[in-house]
Amino acid sequence: MDEHLFTKVLSQVDTTHRMTVPMANLGDFEFPAGQHAINIEATDTIEQQWTFKLSIRRNNDPNPRPVFTGQWTQFVKEKGLKAGDRIVFSRQQAEGDGVQYRIRAEREIFHCWVNVE
């Protein structure tokens, strides 16, 4: 069963450069001691794998501002996402100690959110 982590309506910057991850969700990801970036493998609704680089500001900045880069802009282009669309990010336990992340892109059509394949 998927554990919902966050839902985010995309801004213009989210669709052109990098996506800011909600600060409240930073604790949902484990950063090894002393590191400021990790790779997150996420699977979309058509079972395609994406590698997002999750990074935070260095030097114990009081506002670490987590962001997704890596294949993020490729994901946006392939899905045809624009400001106002949203993503839903979740995780589930994989076999052993692993975690499987899932990402779903959605667009609002006639007041209903529908998957963007």
PDB file of N, CA and C in Angstrom:
ATOM      1  N   MET A   1       0.842  -1.187   0.000  1.00  0.00           N
ATOM      2  CA  MET A   1       0.000   0.000   0.000  1.00  0.00           C
ATOM      3  C   MET A   1       0.886   1.248   0.000  1.00  0.00           C
ATOM      4  N   ASP A   2       0.535   2.202  -0.860  1.00  0.00           N
ATOM      5  CA  ASP A   2       1.301   3.433  -0.966  1.00  0.00           C
ATOM      6  C   ASP A   2       1.046   4.334   0.239  1.00  0.00           C
ATOM      7  N   GLU A   3       2.116   4.972   0.703  1.00  0.00           N
ATOM      8  CA  GLU A   3       2.027   5.988   1.753  1.00  0.00           C
ATOM      9  C   GLU A   3       2.183   7.342   1.065  1.00  0.00           C
ATOM     10  N   HIS A   4       1.128   8.149   1.099  1.00  0.00           N
ATOM     11  CA  HIS A   4       1.157   9.465   0.470  1.00  0.00           C
ATOM     12  C   HIS A   4       2.187  10.335   1.188  1.00  0.00           C
ATOM     13  N   LEU A   5       3.105  10.951   0.431  1.00  0.00           N
ATOM     14  CA  LEU A   5       4.078  11.864   1.012  1.00  0.00           C
ATOM     15  C   LEU A   5       3.656  13.314   0.796  1.00  0.00           C
ATOM     16  N   PHE A   6       3.406  13.693  -0.456  1.00  0.00           N
ATOM     17  CA  PHE A   6       2.939  15.057  -0.697  1.00  0.00           C
ATOM     18  C   PHE A   6       2.268  15.177  -2.060  1.00  0.00           C
ATOM     19  N   THR A   7       1.425  16.201  -2.149  1.00  0.00           N
ATOM     20  CA  THR A   7       0.804  16.611  -3.403  1.00  0.00           C
ATOM     21  C   THR A   7       1.206  18.062  -3.599  1.00  0.00           C
ATOM     22  N   LYS A   8       1.625  18.408  -4.816  1.00  0.00           N
ATOM     23  CA  LYS A   8       2.063  19.772  -5.055  1.00  0.00           C
ATOM     24  C   LYS A   8       1.539  20.273  -6.388  1.00  0.00           C
ATOM     25  N   VAL A   9       0.888  21.442  -6.352  1.00  0.00           N
ATOM     26  CA  VAL A   9       0.497  22.140  -7.578  1.00  0.00           C
ATOM     27  C   VAL A   9       1.745  22.838  -8.081  1.00  0.00           C
ATOM     28  N   LEU A  10       2.050  22.628  -9.351  1.00  0.00           N
ATOM     29  CA  LEU A  10       3.302  23.125  -9.913  1.00  0.00           C
ATOM     30  C   LEU A  10       3.246  24.614 -10.244  1.00  0.00           C
ATOM     31  N   SER A  11       4.345  25.303  -9.899  1.00  0.00           N
ATOM     32  CA  SER A  11       4.506  26.713 -10.259  1.00  0.00           C
ATOM     33  C   SER A  11       5.244  26.788 -11.599  1.00  0.00           C
ATOM     34  N   GLN A  12       5.400  27.980 -12.136  1.00  0.00           N
ATOM     35  CA  GLN A  12       6.137  28.161 -13.377  1.00  0.00           C
ATOM     36  C   GLN A  12       7.581  27.693 -13.220  1.00  0.00           C
ATOM     37  N   VAL A  13       8.233  28.051 -12.120  1.00  0.00           N
ATOM     38  CA  VAL A  13       9.622  27.637 -11.883  1.00  0.00           C
ATOM     39  C   VAL A  13       9.713  26.116 -11.760  1.00  0.00           C
ATOM     40  N   ASP A  14       8.710  25.491 -11.130  1.00  0.00           N
ATOM     41  CA  ASP A  14       8.691  24.029 -11.004  1.00  0.00           C
ATOM     42  C   ASP A  14       8.700  23.354 -12.378  1.00  0.00           C
ATOM     43  N   THR A  15       8.114  24.000 -13.377  1.00  0.00           N
ATOM     44  CA  THR A  15       8.006  23.376 -14.702  1.00  0.00           C
ATOM     45  C   THR A  15       9.154  23.734 -15.639  1.00  0.00           C
ATOM     46  N   THR A  16       9.973  24.724 -15.272  1.00  0.00           N
ATOM     47  CA  THR A  16      11.039  25.150 -16.180  1.00  0.00           C
ATOM     48  C   THR A  16      12.446  24.862 -15.670  1.00  0.00           C
ATOM     49  N   HIS A  17      12.635  24.756 -14.359  1.00  0.00           N
ATOM     50  CA  HIS A  17      13.990  24.594 -13.819  1.00  0.00           C
ATOM     51  C   HIS A  17      14.131  23.425 -12.843  1.00  0.00           C
ATOM     52  N   ARG A  18      13.415  23.501 -11.764  1.00  0.00           N
ATOM     53  CA  ARG A  18      13.503  22.493 -10.695  1.00  0.00           C
ATOM     54  C   ARG A  18      12.218  22.576  -9.884  1.00  0.00           C
ATOM     55  N   MET A  19      11.893  21.490  -9.210  1.00  0.00           N
ATOM     56  CA  MET A  19      10.692  21.510  -8.387  1.00  0.00           C
ATOM     57  C   MET A  19      11.082  21.617  -6.920  1.00  0.00           C
ATOM     58  N   THR A  20      10.533  22.609  -6.260  1.00  0.00           N
ATOM     59  CA  THR A  20      10.751  22.748  -4.830  1.00  0.00           C
ATOM     60  C   THR A  20       9.879  21.723  -4.108  1.00  0.00           C
ATOM     61  N   VAL A  21      10.511  20.917  -3.272  1.00  0.00           N
ATOM     62  CA  VAL A  21       9.807  19.910  -2.473  1.00  0.00           C
ATOM     63  C   VAL A  21       9.312  20.595  -1.204  1.00  0.00           C
ATOM     64  N   PRO A  22       8.079  20.343  -0.782  1.00  0.00           N
ATOM     65  CA  PRO A  22       7.587  20.974   0.450  1.00  0.00           C
ATOM     66  C   PRO A  22       8.532  20.696   1.628  1.00  0.00           C
ATOM     67  N   MET A  23       8.902  21.756   2.324  1.00  0.00           N
ATOM     68  CA  MET A  23       9.837  21.667   3.447  1.00  0.00           C
ATOM     69  C   MET A  23       9.365  20.652   4.493  1.00  0.00           C
ATOM     70  N   ALA A  24       8.062  20.570   4.693  1.00  0.00           N
ATOM     71  CA  ALA A  24       7.513  19.638   5.685  1.00  0.00           C
ATOM     72  C   ALA A  24       7.839  18.186   5.347  1.00  0.00           C
ATOM     73  N   ASN A  25       8.200  17.905   4.095  1.00  0.00           N
ATOM     74  CA  ASN A  25       8.469  16.535   3.674  1.00  0.00           C
ATOM     75  C   ASN A  25       9.950  16.188   3.616  1.00  0.00           C
ATOM     76  N   LEU A  26      10.805  17.111   3.964  1.00  0.00           N
ATOM     77  CA  LEU A  26      12.239  16.833   3.921  1.00  0.00           C
ATOM     78  C   LEU A  26      12.592  15.626   4.778  1.00  0.00           C
ATOM     79  N   GLY A  27      11.944  15.459   5.921  1.00  0.00           N
ATOM     80  CA  GLY A  27      12.202  14.329   6.809  1.00  0.00           C
ATOM     81  C   GLY A  27      11.789  12.978   6.248  1.00  0.00           C
ATOM     82  N   ASP A  28      11.053  12.968   5.135  1.00  0.00           N
ATOM     83  CA  ASP A  28      10.640  11.713   4.501  1.00  0.00           C
ATOM     84  C   ASP A  28      11.773  11.067   3.715  1.00  0.00           C
ATOM     85  N   PHE A  29      12.891  11.770   3.582  1.00  0.00           N
ATOM     86  CA  PHE A  29      14.034  11.287   2.812  1.00  0.00           C
ATOM     87  C   PHE A  29      15.271  11.271   3.697  1.00  0.00           C
ATOM     88  N   GLU A  30      16.071  10.212   3.573  1.00  0.00           N
ATOM     89  CA  GLU A  30      17.268  10.078   4.400  1.00  0.00           C
ATOM     90  C   GLU A  30      18.500  10.555   3.653  1.00  0.00           C
ATOM     91  N   PHE A  31      19.160  11.536   4.224  1.00  0.00           N
ATOM     92  CA  PHE A  31      20.426  12.012   3.692  1.00  0.00           C
ATOM     93  C   PHE A  31      21.548  11.421   4.537  1.00  0.00           C
ATOM     94  N   PRO A  32      22.515  10.748   3.920  1.00  0.00           N
ATOM     95  CA  PRO A  32      23.668  10.270   4.693  1.00  0.00           C
ATOM     96  C   PRO A  32      24.375  11.454   5.352  1.00  0.00           C
ATOM     97  N   ALA A  33      24.974  11.213   6.501  1.00  0.00           N
ATOM     98  CA  ALA A  33      25.648  12.272   7.253  1.00  0.00           C
ATOM     99  C   ALA A  33      26.622  13.039   6.359  1.00  0.00           C
ATOM    100  N   GLY A  34      26.514  14.349   6.410  1.00  0.00           N
ATOM    101  CA  GLY A  34      27.429  15.206   5.668  1.00  0.00           C
ATOM    102  C   GLY A  34      27.083  15.407   4.202  1.00  0.00           C
ATOM    103  N   GLN A  35      26.048  14.742   3.699  1.00  0.00           N
ATOM    104  CA  GLN A  35      25.698  14.900   2.288  1.00  0.00           C
ATOM    105  C   GLN A  35      24.525  15.862   2.134  1.00  0.00           C
ATOM    106  N   HIS A  36      24.509  16.560   1.015  1.00  0.00           N
ATOM    107  CA  HIS A  36      23.437  17.515   0.748  1.00  0.00           C
ATOM    108  C   HIS A  36      22.604  17.130  -0.472  1.00  0.00           C
ATOM    109  N   ALA A  37      22.892  15.969  -1.074  1.00  0.00           N
ATOM    110  CA  ALA A  37      22.132  15.538  -2.255  1.00  0.00           C
ATOM    111  C   ALA A  37      22.058  14.012  -2.289  1.00  0.00           C
ATOM    112  N   ILE A  38      20.905  13.512  -2.727  1.00  0.00           N
ATOM    113  CA  ILE A  38      20.709  12.072  -2.911  1.00  0.00           C
ATOM    114  C   ILE A  38      19.909  11.864  -4.194  1.00  0.00           C
ATOM    115  N   ASN A  39      20.036  10.688  -4.773  1.00  0.00           N
ATOM    116  CA  ASN A  39      19.222  10.337  -5.936  1.00  0.00           C
ATOM    117  C   ASN A  39      17.983   9.588  -5.467  1.00  0.00           C
ATOM    118  N   ILE A  40      16.850   9.982  -6.005  1.00  0.00           N
ATOM    119  CA  ILE A  40      15.565   9.356  -5.703  1.00  0.00           C
ATOM    120  C   ILE A  40      15.086   8.683  -6.981  1.00  0.00           C
ATOM    121  N   GLU A  41      14.877   7.381  -6.934  1.00  0.00           N
ATOM    122  CA  GLU A  41      14.323   6.639  -8.066  1.00  0.00           C
ATOM    123  C   GLU A  41      12.817   6.575  -7.868  1.00  0.00           C
ATOM    124  N   ALA A  42      12.072   7.085  -8.856  1.00  0.00           N
ATOM    125  CA  ALA A  42      10.609   7.076  -8.761  1.00  0.00           C
ATOM    126  C   ALA A  42      10.022   6.475 -10.030  1.00  0.00           C
ATOM    127  N   THR A  43       8.927   5.747  -9.869  1.00  0.00           N
ATOM    128  CA  THR A  43       8.231   5.112 -10.982  1.00  0.00           C
ATOM    129  C   THR A  43       6.929   5.849 -11.225  1.00  0.00           C
ATOM    130  N   ASP A  44       6.636   6.146 -12.504  1.00  0.00           N
ATOM    131  CA  ASP A  44       5.397   6.857 -12.809  1.00  0.00           C
ATOM    132  C   ASP A  44       4.260   5.865 -13.076  1.00  0.00           C
ATOM    133  N   THR A  45       3.125   6.368 -13.526  1.00  0.00           N
ATOM    134  CA  THR A  45       1.934   5.527 -13.692  1.00  0.00           C
ATOM    135  C   THR A  45       2.035   4.568 -14.871  1.00  0.00           C
ATOM    136  N   ILE A  46       2.994   4.763 -15.770  1.00  0.00           N
ATOM    137  CA  ILE A  46       3.193   3.823 -16.875  1.00  0.00           C
ATOM    138  C   ILE A  46       4.444   2.967 -16.639  1.00  0.00           C
ATOM    139  N   GLU A  47       4.870   2.925 -15.369  1.00  0.00           N
ATOM    140  CA  GLU A  47       5.996   2.100 -14.914  1.00  0.00           C
ATOM    141  C   GLU A  47       7.354   2.536 -15.482  1.00  0.00           C
ATOM    142  N   GLN A  48       7.465   3.794 -15.895  1.00  0.00           N
ATOM    143  CA  GLN A  48       8.756   4.324 -16.324  1.00  0.00           C
ATOM    144  C   GLN A  48       9.514   4.826 -15.102  1.00  0.00           C
ATOM    145  N   GLN A  49      10.810   4.515 -15.043  1.00  0.00           N
ATOM    146  CA  GLN A  49      11.671   4.932 -13.928  1.00  0.00           C
ATOM    147  C   GLN A  49      12.255   6.304 -14.217  1.00  0.00           C
ATOM    148  N   TRP A  50      12.299   7.130 -13.190  1.00  0.00           N
ATOM    149  CA  TRP A  50      12.892   8.458 -13.265  1.00  0.00           C
ATOM    150  C   TRP A  50      13.872   8.612 -12.111  1.00  0.00           C
ATOM    151  N   THR A  51      14.988   9.293 -12.356  1.00  0.00           N
ATOM    152  CA  THR A  51      15.950   9.573 -11.291  1.00  0.00           C
ATOM    153  C   THR A  51      15.949  11.071 -11.045  1.00  0.00           C
ATOM    154  N   PHE A  52      15.496  11.438  -9.865  1.00  0.00           N
ATOM    155  CA  PHE A  52      15.484  12.839  -9.456  1.00  0.00           C
ATOM    156  C   PHE A  52      16.589  13.034  -8.424  1.00  0.00           C
ATOM    157  N   LYS A  53      17.309  14.121  -8.554  1.00  0.00           N
ATOM    158  CA  LYS A  53      18.315  14.460  -7.555  1.00  0.00           C
ATOM    159  C   LYS A  53      17.638  15.374  -6.553  1.00  0.00           C
ATOM    160  N   LEU A  54      17.571  14.938  -5.300  1.00  0.00           N
ATOM    161  CA  LEU A  54      17.007  15.752  -4.231  1.00  0.00           C
ATOM    162  C   LEU A  54      18.177  16.401  -3.510  1.00  0.00           C
ATOM    163  N   SER A  55      18.216  17.713  -3.519  1.00  0.00           N
ATOM    164  CA  SER A  55      19.334  18.398  -2.862  1.00  0.00           C
ATOM    165  C   SER A  55      18.816  19.506  -1.956  1.00  0.00           C
ATOM    166  N   ILE A  56      19.648  19.822  -0.989  1.00  0.00           N
ATOM    167  CA  ILE A  56      19.362  20.905  -0.048  1.00  0.00           C
ATOM    168  C   ILE A  56      20.576  21.823  -0.019  1.00  0.00           C
ATOM    169  N   ARG A  57      20.374  23.034   0.472  1.00  0.00           N
ATOM    170  CA  ARG A  57      21.478  23.982   0.585  1.00  0.00           C
ATOM    171  C   ARG A  57      22.495  23.468   1.592  1.00  0.00           C
ATOM    172  N   ARG A  58      23.721  23.844   1.382  1.00  0.00           N
ATOM    173  CA  ARG A  58      24.814  23.409   2.258  1.00  0.00           C
ATOM    174  C   ARG A  58      24.978  24.326   3.461  1.00  0.00           C
ATOM    175  N   ASN A  59      25.927  23.976   4.298  1.00  0.00           N
ATOM    176  CA  ASN A  59      26.381  24.808   5.423  1.00  0.00           C
ATOM    177  C   ASN A  59      25.300  25.077   6.466  1.00  0.00           C
ATOM    178  N   ASN A  60      24.472  24.084   6.730  1.00  0.00           N
ATOM    179  CA  ASN A  60      23.442  24.201   7.777  1.00  0.00           C
ATOM    180  C   ASN A  60      22.579  25.445   7.616  1.00  0.00           C
ATOM    181  N   ASP A  61      22.266  25.792   6.397  1.00  0.00           N
ATOM    182  CA  ASP A  61      21.380  26.921   6.118  1.00  0.00           C
ATOM    183  C   ASP A  61      20.069  26.686   6.862  1.00  0.00           C
ATOM    184  N   PRO A  62      19.545  27.698   7.566  1.00  0.00           N
ATOM    185  CA  PRO A  62      18.290  27.494   8.308  1.00  0.00           C
ATOM    186  C   PRO A  62      17.098  27.206   7.389  1.00  0.00           C
ATOM    187  N   ASN A  63      17.220  27.526   6.088  1.00  0.00           N
ATOM    188  CA  ASN A  63      16.176  27.227   5.119  1.00  0.00           C
ATOM    189  C   ASN A  63      16.795  26.335   4.052  1.00  0.00           C
ATOM    190  N   PRO A  64      16.804  25.007   4.275  1.00  0.00           N
ATOM    191  CA  PRO A  64      17.511  24.119   3.349  1.00  0.00           C
ATOM    192  C   PRO A  64      16.913  24.065   1.941  1.00  0.00           C
ATOM    193  N   ARG A  65      15.641  24.457   1.763  1.00  0.00           N
ATOM    194  CA  ARG A  65      14.981  24.530   0.455  1.00  0.00           C
ATOM    195  C   ARG A  65      15.251  23.305  -0.427  1.00  0.00           C
ATOM    196  N   PRO A  66      14.626  22.169  -0.105  1.00  0.00           N
ATOM    197  CA  PRO A  66      14.842  20.959  -0.908  1.00  0.00           C
ATOM    198  C   PRO A  66      14.259  21.094  -2.314  1.00  0.00           C
ATOM    199  N   VAL A  67      15.017  20.629  -3.305  1.00  0.00           N
ATOM    200  CA  VAL A  67      14.566  20.699  -4.692  1.00  0.00           C
ATOM    201  C   VAL A  67      14.875  19.400  -5.426  1.00  0.00           C
ATOM    202  N   PHE A  68      14.024  19.089  -6.411  1.00  0.00           N
ATOM    203  CA  PHE A  68      14.267  17.997  -7.357  1.00  0.00           C
ATOM    204  C   PHE A  68      14.900  18.592  -8.607  1.00  0.00           C
ATOM    205  N   THR A  69      16.010  17.992  -9.038  1.00  0.00           N
ATOM    206  CA  THR A  69      16.616  18.301 -10.328  1.00  0.00           C
ATOM    207  C   THR A  69      16.831  16.949 -11.007  1.00  0.00           C
ATOM    208  N   GLY A  70      17.965  16.729 -11.646  1.00  0.00           N
ATOM    209  CA  GLY A  70      18.200  15.459 -12.333  1.00  0.00           C
ATOM    210  C   GLY A  70      17.281  15.349 -13.526  1.00  0.00           C
ATOM    211  N   GLN A  71      16.494  14.290 -13.598  1.00  0.00           N
ATOM    212  CA  GLN A  71      15.584  14.079 -14.728  1.00  0.00           C
ATOM    213  C   GLN A  71      14.255  14.833 -14.574  1.00  0.00           C
ATOM    214  N   TRP A  72      14.181  15.750 -13.609  1.00  0.00           N
ATOM    215  CA  TRP A  72      12.930  16.452 -13.359  1.00  0.00           C
ATOM    216  C   TRP A  72      12.416  17.180 -14.610  1.00  0.00           C
ATOM    217  N   THR A  73      13.262  18.003 -15.268  1.00  0.00           N
ATOM    218  CA  THR A  73      12.776  18.758 -16.427  1.00  0.00           C
ATOM    219  C   THR A  73      12.418  17.832 -17.587  1.00  0.00           C
ATOM    220  N   GLN A  74      13.103  16.712 -17.708  1.00  0.00           N
ATOM    221  CA  GLN A  74      12.750  15.720 -18.736  1.00  0.00           C
ATOM    222  C   GLN A  74      11.373  15.129 -18.438  1.00  0.00           C
ATOM    223  N   PHE A  75      11.100  14.830 -17.159  1.00  0.00           N
ATOM    224  CA  PHE A  75       9.794  14.325 -16.738  1.00  0.00           C
ATOM    225  C   PHE A  75       8.704  15.335 -17.110  1.00  0.00           C
ATOM    226  N   VAL A  76       8.935  16.613 -16.797  1.00  0.00           N
ATOM    227  CA  VAL A  76       7.959  17.673 -17.091  1.00  0.00           C
ATOM    228  C   VAL A  76       7.692  17.740 -18.594  1.00  0.00           C
ATOM    229  N   LYS A  77       8.757  17.718 -19.398  1.00  0.00           N
ATOM    230  CA  LYS A  77       8.595  17.803 -20.856  1.00  0.00           C
ATOM    231  C   LYS A  77       7.862  16.589 -21.407  1.00  0.00           C
ATOM    232  N   GLU A  78       8.249  15.404 -20.951  1.00  0.00           N
ATOM    233  CA  GLU A  78       7.618  14.190 -21.473  1.00  0.00           C
ATOM    234  C   GLU A  78       6.130  14.128 -21.139  1.00  0.00           C
ATOM    235  N   LYS A  79       5.770  14.606 -19.968  1.00  0.00           N
ATOM    236  CA  LYS A  79       4.361  14.585 -19.548  1.00  0.00           C
ATOM    237  C   LYS A  79       3.586  15.808 -20.058  1.00  0.00           C
ATOM    238  N   GLY A  80       4.308  16.809 -20.594  1.00  0.00           N
ATOM    239  CA  GLY A  80       3.654  18.030 -21.067  1.00  0.00           C
ATOM    240  C   GLY A  80       3.071  18.854 -19.936  1.00  0.00           C
ATOM    241  N   LEU A  81       3.746  18.856 -18.782  1.00  0.00           N
ATOM    242  CA  LEU A  81       3.216  19.548 -17.607  1.00  0.00           C
ATOM    243  C   LEU A  81       3.400  21.054 -17.714  1.00  0.00           C
ATOM    244  N   LYS A  82       2.496  21.771 -17.065  1.00  0.00           N
ATOM    245  CA  LYS A  82       2.565  23.225 -17.036  1.00  0.00           C
ATOM    246  C   LYS A  82       2.148  23.704 -15.648  1.00  0.00           C
ATOM    247  N   ALA A  83       2.392  24.973 -15.376  1.00  0.00           N
ATOM    248  CA  ALA A  83       1.990  25.549 -14.095  1.00  0.00           C
ATOM    249  C   ALA A  83       0.494  25.306 -13.893  1.00  0.00           C
ATOM    250  N   GLY A  84       0.131  24.905 -12.682  1.00  0.00           N
ATOM    251  CA  GLY A  84      -1.269  24.588 -12.363  1.00  0.00           C
ATOM    252  C   GLY A  84      -1.557  23.103 -12.357  1.00  0.00           C
ATOM    253  N   ASP A  85      -0.727  22.305 -13.073  1.00  0.00           N
ATOM    254  CA  ASP A  85      -0.832  20.846 -12.959  1.00  0.00           C
ATOM    255  C   ASP A  85      -0.276  20.462 -11.594  1.00  0.00           C
ATOM    256  N   ARG A  86      -0.419  19.218 -11.221  1.00  0.00           N
ATOM    257  CA  ARG A  86       0.125  18.821  -9.919  1.00  0.00           C
ATOM    258  C   ARG A  86       0.766  17.448 -10.005  1.00  0.00           C
ATOM    259  N   ILE A  87       1.607  17.179  -9.005  1.00  0.00           N
ATOM    260  CA  ILE A  87       2.172  15.849  -8.863  1.00  0.00           C
ATOM    261  C   ILE A  87       1.792  15.309  -7.498  1.00  0.00           C
ATOM    262  N   VAL A  88       1.685  13.990  -7.450  1.00  0.00           N
ATOM    263  CA  VAL A  88       1.418  13.270  -6.204  1.00  0.00           C
ATOM    264  C   VAL A  88       2.600  12.331  -6.021  1.00  0.00           C
ATOM    265  N   PHE A  89       3.258  12.443  -4.879  1.00  0.00           N
ATOM    266  CA  PHE A  89       4.455  11.650  -4.609  1.00  0.00           C
ATOM    267  C   PHE A  89       4.185  10.747  -3.418  1.00  0.00           C
ATOM    268  N   SER A  90       4.502   9.458  -3.569  1.00  0.00           N
ATOM    269  CA  SER A  90       4.241   8.488  -2.496  1.00  0.00           C
ATOM    270  C   SER A  90       5.375   7.475  -2.443  1.00  0.00           C
ATOM    271  N   ARG A  91       5.301   6.614  -1.444  1.00  0.00           N
ATOM    272  CA  ARG A  91       6.305   5.552  -1.325  1.00  0.00           C
ATOM    273  C   ARG A  91       5.643   4.319  -0.742  1.00  0.00           C
ATOM    274  N   GLN A  92       6.317   3.196  -0.944  1.00  0.00           N
ATOM    275  CA  GLN A  92       5.876   1.947  -0.333  1.00  0.00           C
ATOM    276  C   GLN A  92       7.111   1.134  -0.007  1.00  0.00           C
ATOM    277  N   GLN A  93       6.973   0.263   0.960  1.00  0.00           N
ATOM    278  CA  GLN A  93       8.080  -0.625   1.331  1.00  0.00           C
ATOM    279  C   GLN A  93       8.308  -1.624   0.213  1.00  0.00           C
ATOM    280  N   ALA A  94       9.561  -1.776  -0.175  1.00  0.00           N
ATOM    281  CA  ALA A  94       9.930  -2.787  -1.150  1.00  0.00           C
ATOM    282  C   ALA A  94      10.456  -4.000  -0.391  1.00  0.00           C
ATOM    283  N   GLU A  95      10.781  -5.047  -1.110  1.00  0.00           N
ATOM    284  CA  GLU A  95      11.316  -6.238  -0.451  1.00  0.00           C
ATOM    285  C   GLU A  95      12.592  -5.872   0.293  1.00  0.00           C
ATOM    286  N   GLY A  96      12.784  -6.488   1.440  1.00  0.00           N
ATOM    287  CA  GLY A  96      13.945  -6.176   2.261  1.00  0.00           C
ATOM    288  C   GLY A  96      13.760  -4.833   2.942  1.00  0.00           C
ATOM    289  N   ASP A  97      14.834  -4.048   2.975  1.00  0.00           N
ATOM    290  CA  ASP A  97      14.777  -2.739   3.628  1.00  0.00           C
ATOM    291  C   ASP A  97      14.508  -1.599   2.656  1.00  0.00           C
ATOM    292  N   GLY A  98      14.269  -1.917   1.398  1.00  0.00           N
ATOM    293  CA  GLY A  98      14.134  -0.889   0.376  1.00  0.00           C
ATOM    294  C   GLY A  98      12.823  -0.130   0.409  1.00  0.00           C
ATOM    295  N   VAL A  99      12.835   0.997  -0.273  1.00  0.00           N
ATOM    296  CA  VAL A  99      11.658   1.844  -0.422  1.00  0.00           C
ATOM    297  C   VAL A  99      11.473   2.101  -1.909  1.00  0.00           C
ATOM    298  N   GLN A 100      10.234   2.009  -2.375  1.00  0.00           N
ATOM    299  CA  GLN A 100       9.900   2.295  -3.775  1.00  0.00           C
ATOM    300  C   GLN A 100       9.097   3.585  -3.797  1.00  0.00           C
ATOM    301  N   TYR A 101       9.588   4.568  -4.550  1.00  0.00           N
ATOM    302  CA  TYR A 101       8.872   5.838  -4.688  1.00  0.00           C
ATOM    303  C   TYR A 101       8.016   5.816  -5.949  1.00  0.00           C
ATOM    304  N   ARG A 102       6.865   6.480  -5.882  1.00  0.00           N
ATOM    305  CA  ARG A 102       5.938   6.578  -7.015  1.00  0.00           C
ATOM    306  C   ARG A 102       5.641   8.058  -7.244  1.00  0.00           C
ATOM    307  N   ILE A 103       5.513   8.429  -8.518  1.00  0.00           N
ATOM    308  CA  ILE A 103       5.145   9.797  -8.869  1.00  0.00           C
ATOM    309  C   ILE A 103       4.001   9.743  -9.878  1.00  0.00           C
ATOM    310  N   ARG A 104       3.004  10.579  -9.649  1.00  0.00           N
ATOM    311  CA  ARG A 104       1.850  10.641 -10.540  1.00  0.00           C
ATOM    312  C   ARG A 104       1.631  12.108 -10.917  1.00  0.00           C
ATOM    313  N   ALA A 105       1.529  12.379 -12.208  1.00  0.00           N
ATOM    314  CA  ALA A 105       1.227  13.724 -12.699  1.00  0.00           C
ATOM    315  C   ALA A 105      -0.267  13.812 -12.957  1.00  0.00           C
ATOM    316  N   GLU A 106      -0.867  14.944 -12.591  1.00  0.00           N
ATOM    317  CA  GLU A 106      -2.304  15.131 -12.760  1.00  0.00           C
ATOM    318  C   GLU A 106      -2.601  16.517 -13.323  1.00  0.00           C
ATOM    319  N   ARG A 107      -3.719  16.604 -14.052  1.00  0.00           N
ATOM    320  CA  ARG A 107      -4.187  17.874 -14.606  1.00  0.00           C
ATOM    321  C   ARG A 107      -5.658  18.007 -14.250  1.00  0.00           C
ATOM    322  N   GLU A 108      -6.069  19.224 -13.916  1.00  0.00           N
ATOM    323  CA  GLU A 108      -7.475  19.459 -13.579  1.00  0.00           C
ATOM    324  C   GLU A 108      -8.269  19.720 -14.858  1.00  0.00           C
ATOM    325  N   ILE A 109      -9.271  18.890 -15.080  1.00  0.00           N
ATOM    326  CA  ILE A 109     -10.157  19.029 -16.235  1.00  0.00           C
ATOM    327  C   ILE A 109     -11.593  18.993 -15.720  1.00  0.00           C
ATOM    328  N   PHE A 110     -12.320  20.073 -15.954  1.00  0.00           N
ATOM    329  CA  PHE A 110     -13.711  20.179 -15.487  1.00  0.00           C
ATOM    330  C   PHE A 110     -13.828  19.866 -13.999  1.00  0.00           C
ATOM    331  N   HIS A 111     -12.945  20.445 -13.214  1.00  0.00           N
ATOM    332  CA  HIS A 111     -12.950  20.337 -11.754  1.00  0.00           C
ATOM    333  C   HIS A 111     -12.620  18.937 -11.224  1.00  0.00           C
ATOM    334  N   CYS A 112     -12.035  18.093 -12.073  1.00  0.00           N
ATOM    335  CA  CYS A 112     -11.606  16.766 -11.654  1.00  0.00           C
ATOM    336  C   CYS A 112     -10.129  16.598 -12.006  1.00  0.00           C
ATOM    337  N   TRP A 113      -9.365  16.009 -11.109  1.00  0.00           N
ATOM    338  CA  TRP A 113      -7.955  15.756 -11.372  1.00  0.00           C
ATOM    339  C   TRP A 113      -7.826  14.403 -12.080  1.00  0.00           C
ATOM    340  N   VAL A 114      -7.183  14.418 -13.253  1.00  0.00           N
ATOM    341  CA  VAL A 114      -7.000  13.199 -14.033  1.00  0.00           C
ATOM    342  C   VAL A 114      -5.502  12.954 -14.262  1.00  0.00           C
ATOM    343  N   ASN A 115      -5.133  11.679 -14.362  1.00  0.00           N
ATOM    344  CA  ASN A 115      -3.734  11.314 -14.584  1.00  0.00           C
ATOM    345  C   ASN A 115      -3.249  11.823 -15.928  1.00  0.00           C
ATOM    346  N   VAL A 116      -1.998  12.269 -15.941  1.00  0.00           N
ATOM    347  CA  VAL A 116      -1.312  12.627 -17.171  1.00  0.00           C
ATOM    348  C   VAL A 116      -0.336  11.495 -17.417  1.00  0.00           C
ATOM    349  N   GLU A 117      -0.552  10.742 -18.480  1.00  0.00           N
ATOM    350  CA  GLU A 117       0.310   9.594 -18.768  1.00  0.00           C
ATOM    351  C   GLU A 117       1.514  10.086 -19.503  1.00  0.00           C
TER     352      GLU A 117
END
